[in-house]
Structure formats: structure tokens, C-alpha cells
Protein backbone atom coordinates (compact mmCIF):
# COMPACT_ATOMS: atom_id res chain seq x y z
CA MET A 1 -9.45 4.40 17.97
CA THR A 2 -10.60 5.16 14.29
CA MET A 3 -9.70 2.39 11.78
CA ALA A 4 -10.88 2.21 8.18
CA GLU A 5 -13.81 -0.22 7.91
CA LEU A 6 -15.12 -2.14 4.94
CA PRO A 7 -16.78 0.57 3.10
CA GLU A 8 -13.72 2.76 3.44
CA LEU A 9 -11.14 0.04 2.40
CA GLU A 10 -13.32 -0.64 -0.57
CA ILE A 11 -13.38 3.02 -1.67
CA LEU A 12 -9.58 3.28 -1.07
CA ARG A 13 -9.05 0.07 -3.26
CA ARG A 14 -10.97 1.78 -6.12
CA ASP A 15 -9.05 5.24 -5.69
CA LEU A 16 -5.83 3.30 -5.42
CA GLU A 17 -6.73 1.42 -8.80
CA LYS A 18 -7.52 4.62 -10.58
CA GLU A 19 -4.55 6.55 -9.19
CA VAL A 20 -1.55 4.27 -9.07
CA ALA A 21 -2.24 1.24 -11.28
CA GLY A 22 0.34 1.50 -14.06
CA ARG A 23 2.81 3.58 -12.12
CA LYS A 24 6.36 2.55 -11.97
CA VAL A 25 8.09 2.79 -8.51
CA LYS A 26 11.34 5.02 -8.68
CA SER A 27 12.09 5.05 -4.92
CA VAL A 28 10.64 4.08 -1.51
CA GLU A 29 11.34 5.88 1.62
CA ALA A 30 10.16 4.73 5.16
CA PRO A 31 10.35 7.43 7.79
CA GLY A 32 8.16 5.32 10.16
CA THR A 33 10.12 2.22 10.47
CA ALA A 34 7.43 0.52 12.70
CA THR A 35 5.22 0.34 9.77
CA ILE A 36 7.52 -1.53 7.87
CA LYS A 37 8.69 -4.06 10.42
CA ARG A 38 6.99 -7.15 8.73
CA ALA A 39 8.93 -6.25 5.52
CA GLY A 40 12.19 -6.81 7.41
CA THR A 41 14.37 -3.68 6.84
CA LYS A 42 13.87 -0.58 4.71
CA ALA A 43 16.64 -2.07 2.40
CA LYS A 44 14.62 -5.32 1.81
CA LEU A 45 11.46 -3.46 1.12
CA GLN A 46 13.38 -1.11 -1.52
CA ALA A 47 14.93 -4.13 -3.12
CA ARG A 48 11.56 -5.66 -3.87
CA LEU A 49 9.80 -2.61 -5.10
CA GLU A 50 11.99 -0.20 -6.53
CA GLY A 51 11.93 -0.52 -10.32
CA ALA A 52 8.66 -2.50 -10.10
CA LYS A 53 5.28 -1.52 -11.64
CA PHE A 54 2.17 -1.18 -9.80
CA GLU A 55 -0.56 -3.16 -11.43
CA LYS A 56 -4.05 -4.18 -10.47
CA VAL A 57 -5.35 -3.33 -6.88
CA ILE A 58 -7.35 -5.80 -4.98
CA ARG A 59 -8.60 -6.28 -1.46
CA LYS A 60 -8.37 -9.41 0.27
CA GLY A 61 -10.61 -8.89 3.42
CA SER A 62 -9.22 -5.85 5.25
CA HIS A 63 -5.96 -6.00 3.40
CA LEU A 64 -5.25 -3.75 0.36
CA CYS A 65 -2.99 -5.50 -2.06
CA ILE A 66 -1.25 -3.76 -4.97
CA GLY A 67 -0.20 -6.29 -7.78
CA LEU A 68 3.29 -6.01 -8.84
CA ASP A 69 4.76 -6.93 -12.30
CA THR A 70 7.21 -9.12 -10.40
CA GLY A 71 4.19 -11.44 -9.37
CA GLU A 72 4.29 -10.49 -5.84
CA PHE A 73 1.82 -8.13 -3.82
CA LEU A 74 2.50 -4.99 -1.86
CA VAL A 75 0.21 -5.30 1.15
CA PHE A 76 -1.41 -2.82 3.55
CA LYS A 77 -3.08 -3.44 6.73
CA LEU A 78 -4.17 0.06 7.82
CA GLY A 79 -4.21 0.82 11.74
CA ASP A 80 -5.65 3.43 13.73
CA ARG A 81 -6.06 6.84 11.79
CA ALA A 82 -4.10 5.57 9.09
CA ARG A 83 -4.79 7.03 5.42
CA PHE A 84 -3.16 7.51 1.93
CA LEU A 85 -2.54 10.61 0.23
CA ARG A 86 -1.47 11.31 -3.36
CA ASN A 87 1.26 14.10 -3.46
CA GLN A 88 3.63 15.95 -5.60
CA ASN A 89 7.18 15.32 -4.80
CA LYS A 90 7.75 18.92 -3.65
CA ASP A 91 4.84 18.83 -1.02
CA GLU A 92 5.95 19.12 2.55
CA GLU A 93 6.10 15.82 4.61
CA ILE A 94 3.31 15.75 7.16
CA LYS A 95 3.65 14.28 10.61
CA GLY A 96 2.90 10.65 10.79
CA THR A 97 4.28 10.04 7.44
CA ALA A 98 5.24 6.36 7.28
CA VAL A 99 6.04 5.25 3.86
CA VAL A 100 6.54 7.30 0.70
CA PHE A 101 6.48 5.66 -2.81
CA THR A 102 7.76 7.97 -5.53
CA PHE A 103 6.98 7.07 -8.83
CA THR A 104 8.91 7.70 -12.25
CA GLN A 105 6.11 10.06 -13.37
CA HIS A 106 3.06 11.59 -11.59
CA GLY A 107 4.17 12.24 -8.07
CA GLN A 108 3.93 10.03 -5.06
CA LEU A 109 1.71 7.85 -2.87
CA ARG A 110 2.13 8.40 0.87
CA LEU A 111 0.92 6.21 3.74
CA ILE A 112 0.22 8.35 7.06
CA ASP A 113 0.38 6.07 10.07
CA PRO A 114 0.26 8.45 13.04
CA ALA A 115 -0.47 5.50 15.66
CA LYS A 116 2.30 3.47 13.98
CA SER A 117 -0.26 0.71 13.99
CA SER A 118 -0.27 -0.03 10.19
CA HIS A 119 1.59 -2.72 8.32
CA CYS A 120 3.38 -2.38 4.82
CA PHE A 121 5.00 -5.40 3.34
CA VAL A 122 5.50 -7.44 0.22
CA ALA A 123 3.97 -10.95 -0.01
CA THR A 124 3.81 -13.78 -2.57
CA ALA A 125 0.44 -14.95 -3.90
CA GLU A 126 0.84 -18.04 -1.73
CA GLU A 127 1.56 -15.98 1.50
CA LEU A 128 -1.55 -13.73 0.58
CA VAL A 129 -3.87 -16.83 0.68
CA GLU A 130 -2.48 -17.91 4.15
CA LEU A 131 -2.67 -14.38 5.37
CA THR A 132 -6.49 -14.20 4.76
CA ALA A 133 -7.55 -17.93 5.12
CA GLU A 134 -9.36 -17.20 8.43
CA ASP A 135 -11.23 -14.22 7.03
CA GLY A 136 -15.17 -14.32 7.18
CA LEU A 137 -17.82 -13.33 4.81
CA ASP A 138 -17.00 -10.12 2.61
CA LEU A 139 -20.05 -8.30 2.24
CA VAL A 140 -18.81 -6.50 -0.98
CA ASP A 141 -17.17 -9.24 -2.74
CA GLU A 142 -19.25 -12.25 -1.59
CA PRO A 143 -22.99 -12.20 -2.14
CA VAL A 144 -24.57 -14.50 0.39
CA SER A 145 -28.15 -15.68 1.13
CA TRP A 146 -29.69 -14.61 4.35
CA THR A 147 -30.24 -18.46 5.12
CA LYS A 148 -26.28 -18.91 4.98
CA PHE A 149 -25.66 -15.56 6.80
CA GLY A 150 -28.17 -16.74 9.58
CA GLU A 151 -26.42 -20.05 9.86
CA MET A 152 -23.09 -18.55 10.49
CA VAL A 153 -24.67 -16.02 13.03
CA LEU A 154 -26.46 -18.90 15.07
CA ARG A 155 -23.03 -20.72 15.42
CA ARG A 156 -21.68 -17.82 17.42
CA LYS A 157 -22.32 -17.76 21.17
CA THR A 158 -21.12 -14.01 21.76
CA LYS A 159 -23.20 -10.84 21.88
CA LEU A 160 -24.30 -9.54 18.57
CA LYS A 161 -22.01 -6.58 18.50
CA ALA A 162 -19.02 -9.00 19.12
CA VAL A 163 -20.58 -11.25 16.30
CA LEU A 164 -20.39 -8.55 13.67
CA MET A 165 -17.01 -7.40 14.82
CA ASP A 166 -15.57 -10.94 14.59
CA PRO A 167 -13.37 -10.87 11.51
CA THR A 168 -13.69 -14.78 11.08
CA MET A 169 -17.50 -13.88 10.68
CA LEU A 170 -17.59 -10.70 8.61
CA VAL A 171 -14.47 -8.84 7.45
CA GLY A 172 -13.94 -5.17 8.00
CA ILE A 173 -16.93 -4.41 10.44
CA GLY A 174 -15.73 -2.33 13.33
CA PRO A 175 -17.30 -0.11 16.02
CA ILE A 176 -18.80 2.20 13.66
CA TYR A 177 -20.67 -0.13 11.14
CA SER A 178 -21.76 -2.65 13.86
CA ASP A 179 -23.68 0.12 15.71
CA GLU A 180 -25.19 1.31 12.63
CA ILE A 181 -26.20 -2.10 11.46
CA LEU A 182 -27.82 -2.95 14.75
CA PHE A 183 -29.72 0.17 14.84
CA GLU A 184 -31.07 -0.24 11.37
CA ALA A 185 -32.02 -3.95 12.20
CA GLY A 186 -33.65 -2.80 15.69
CA LEU A 187 -31.55 -5.08 17.79
CA LYS A 188 -29.49 -4.51 20.89
CA TYR A 189 -25.73 -4.96 21.11
CA ASP A 190 -25.86 -7.61 23.84
CA ARG A 191 -28.39 -9.82 22.47
CA ILE A 192 -27.18 -13.52 22.04
CA PRO A 193 -27.62 -14.87 18.69
CA GLN A 194 -29.76 -17.97 19.79
CA THR A 195 -32.50 -15.60 21.15
CA LEU A 196 -33.14 -14.13 17.44
CA THR A 197 -36.16 -14.92 15.68
CA THR A 198 -36.11 -15.87 11.90
CA GLN A 199 -37.63 -12.27 11.20
CA GLU A 200 -34.69 -10.64 13.35
CA ILE A 201 -32.02 -12.64 11.39
CA ARG A 202 -33.62 -11.41 8.30
CA ARG A 203 -33.53 -7.85 9.48
CA LEU A 204 -29.98 -8.33 10.53
CA TYR A 205 -28.83 -9.71 7.26
CA ARG A 206 -30.58 -6.87 5.42
CA ALA A 207 -29.14 -4.22 7.49
CA SER A 208 -25.58 -5.52 7.30
CA VAL A 209 -25.85 -5.78 3.52
CA GLU A 210 -27.48 -2.23 3.00
CA ILE A 211 -25.52 -0.32 5.45
CA ILE A 212 -22.30 -1.29 4.07
CA HIS A 213 -23.35 -0.61 0.41
CA ASP A 214 -24.86 2.72 1.29
CA SER A 215 -21.75 3.96 3.01
CA ILE A 216 -19.66 3.00 -0.16
CA LYS A 217 -22.31 4.90 -2.36
CA HIS A 218 -22.06 8.01 -0.29
CA GLY A 219 -18.14 7.85 0.07
CA GLY A 220 -17.56 6.32 3.48
CA ALA A 221 -17.47 7.87 6.95
CA THR A 222 -15.08 10.12 8.38
CA VAL A 223 -15.11 10.35 12.32
CA GLY A 224 -12.90 12.78 14.10
CA THR A 225 -10.66 15.31 12.84
CA ASP A 226 -7.94 12.79 11.45
CA GLY A 227 -10.23 10.05 10.45
CA TYR A 228 -10.64 8.47 7.06
CA THR A 229 -10.22 10.58 3.88
CA THR A 230 -10.01 9.81 0.22
CA LEU A 231 -6.32 9.91 -1.53
CA SER A 232 -7.22 13.58 -2.38
CA GLY A 233 -7.91 14.27 1.67
CA ILE A 234 -11.73 14.68 1.09
CA PRO A 235 -13.74 13.51 3.88
CA GLY A 236 -16.40 10.62 3.39
CA GLY A 237 -20.05 11.84 2.66
CA TYR A 238 -21.60 9.09 4.82
CA SER A 239 -20.46 10.93 7.85
CA GLY A 240 -23.72 12.84 8.07
CA MET A 241 -25.89 9.70 7.66
CA ILE A 242 -24.58 8.07 10.73
CA ASN A 243 -27.68 7.54 13.18
CA VAL A 244 -26.03 6.37 16.43
CA TYR A 245 -22.20 5.96 16.50
CA GLN A 246 -20.80 8.94 18.81
CA ARG A 247 -24.33 10.55 18.65
CA ASP A 248 -25.02 9.96 22.38
CA GLY A 249 -27.33 12.73 23.84
CA GLU A 250 -28.76 13.33 20.68
CA MET A 251 -32.58 12.48 19.89
CA SER A 252 -33.00 9.13 18.20
CA PRO A 253 -34.14 9.49 14.60
CA ARG A 254 -36.84 6.66 15.47
CA ALA A 255 -37.90 7.62 19.03
CA ARG A 256 -38.55 10.44 21.35
CA GLY A 257 -35.68 9.46 23.55
CA PRO A 258 -31.78 10.08 23.25
CA ILE A 259 -29.12 7.94 21.90
CA VAL A 260 -27.26 6.32 24.87
CA LYS A 261 -23.78 4.72 25.10
CA ALA A 262 -22.52 1.73 27.03
CA LYS A 263 -19.28 0.27 27.75
CA PHE A 264 -18.41 -2.78 25.53
CA GLY A 265 -15.07 -4.26 26.19
CA SER A 266 -12.43 -1.70 25.65
CA ILE A 267 -14.88 0.45 23.45
CA MET A 268 -18.20 2.14 23.74
CA THR A 269 -21.30 1.24 21.74
CA TYR A 270 -24.18 3.60 20.85
CA TYR A 271 -27.97 2.52 20.49
CA CYS A 272 -31.47 3.59 20.93
CA GLU A 273 -33.02 2.32 24.01
CA ASP A 274 -36.57 2.51 22.73
CA THR A 275 -36.30 0.68 19.29
CA GLN A 276 -33.51 -1.82 19.69
CA MET A 277 -34.63 -4.79 21.50
């Protein structure tokens, strides 16, 4: 499973802001009806969107939200291998196309959802607040001190990787960045928060902030042949900077031994045995 995590979602927000803000929706088509099930029906989605103008694009946690001139929001929750593409009207429709927004000018925005695990719907401002009420810290939008971060970590009783991936703790951290953060911090995935020293908590905090911002700076990470891309279909530049995720068997950047992998619930985790304690 390859889902866009916080850096990729923030980059997509910025791309959408540049590409579709100010565009007026001429028509909406939904070849992938599973993706719009929260919207009710295609007709209901069309009624709320056709003729509306896209305004400011915001990100609420892991939800991408396009403000409409009607006062509502077009909301996207991206699933496995989902991505956006900017297209010309005449471009061939690719497999997995779920929703197509055609503008009165300047082409289309397409949501590609091959796993049919994304959601696309319209929400009011009040519904959006309710939708994200349980979200944890946003490392891009909400600067926080290491002491506050540490307090939140220490309240958790699960293993560190699960702590980082808990959306009520941190939004948008999944398998990729949890592994990269733990490697940078020198901490093993199965450590329990209460065993961390003050120095280790500070390292975890610093690694969390730096890894996320570095990935955004370098364009996010593309994992696999059908992973994240920009709206233009360009892979993320951070991919070549990944240290451990799916690098099992390769030599560790910080030791003489290889990166290893271990089962963690329904997913795999990747780490350096020699430097992560």
C-alpha cells in the first residue's frame, strides 16, 4: 500500500492552489463511483459543483480541501496509490480515473484512484471542523515545542512506530516517514515511549520536524511505479534520499551492516540494527 503522506499532501495542496484556484467548473464526471459514495450520487455531486468556482486550496490534516465560491468545500481523502493529474480535455482517460473536473477554461483536473480507496465529497465549513476534530499535531501548519511534543509521546503506551503513525498524535505520518524519522533519531520501532530519555525525545522531535520539511523541500517521495507524482506526473525528488524504507539488504548509511525489515502489524518496517536502539 502506497498512500500520500504529509509532505506529498502539502506539495499537492500547493500545486492545486497554483493550478486550479480561480477555475470555474463546467462539468463533473465520476467513472469511479466508489470514490464519490460519501457524496451520495453523481447527480448530487454535480449539482453542488457544476457552475461553482474553485477558490483557495487548504489542507486540514490529511484532507485536501478546495474552497468553493458557494461557501462549501470540495474535500479529498486520498487512498492507496491515488494521485491528481492536470489534463487537456482531449487527453485519453487512463485506467483508474475516478473523477474528472472539466473547467470552463484551461482543461481538466483528474483524480486517479486505482484502488478505489479514496473519497471525494462536498462539505460545509462546520462539517469540515467535525471531520478533523480528532486530528493530532500538524508538523507543517502547527509549530510546537519539543516539550509539548514529548508530553504527547509519553502519554502513548504503544510502540514508537505506532505512535508516529497514530493520526490523533501526528497527521499524515505513515510507513515511509515513520521509518525515516526513527532512523534519523536512532530509535528502534518497538521502543515504548516511557523508556525514552529526555535526549531521545528531543532527537525524535528534531527528526520528525526535519524529515517532513526536507521531503517537502525536495518534492516528496515516490515509492513504486504507481506512487505519488505531482499534478504534472513528475515523481518526487526525495525518493533518492530515503535511508531505510524498502532498502532492506542494502548497507546502512550509518553502519557496516545491512538495513533489515520486520513485520509490524499488517505492514513491514525497515531499520538499522546497529544504530537504532
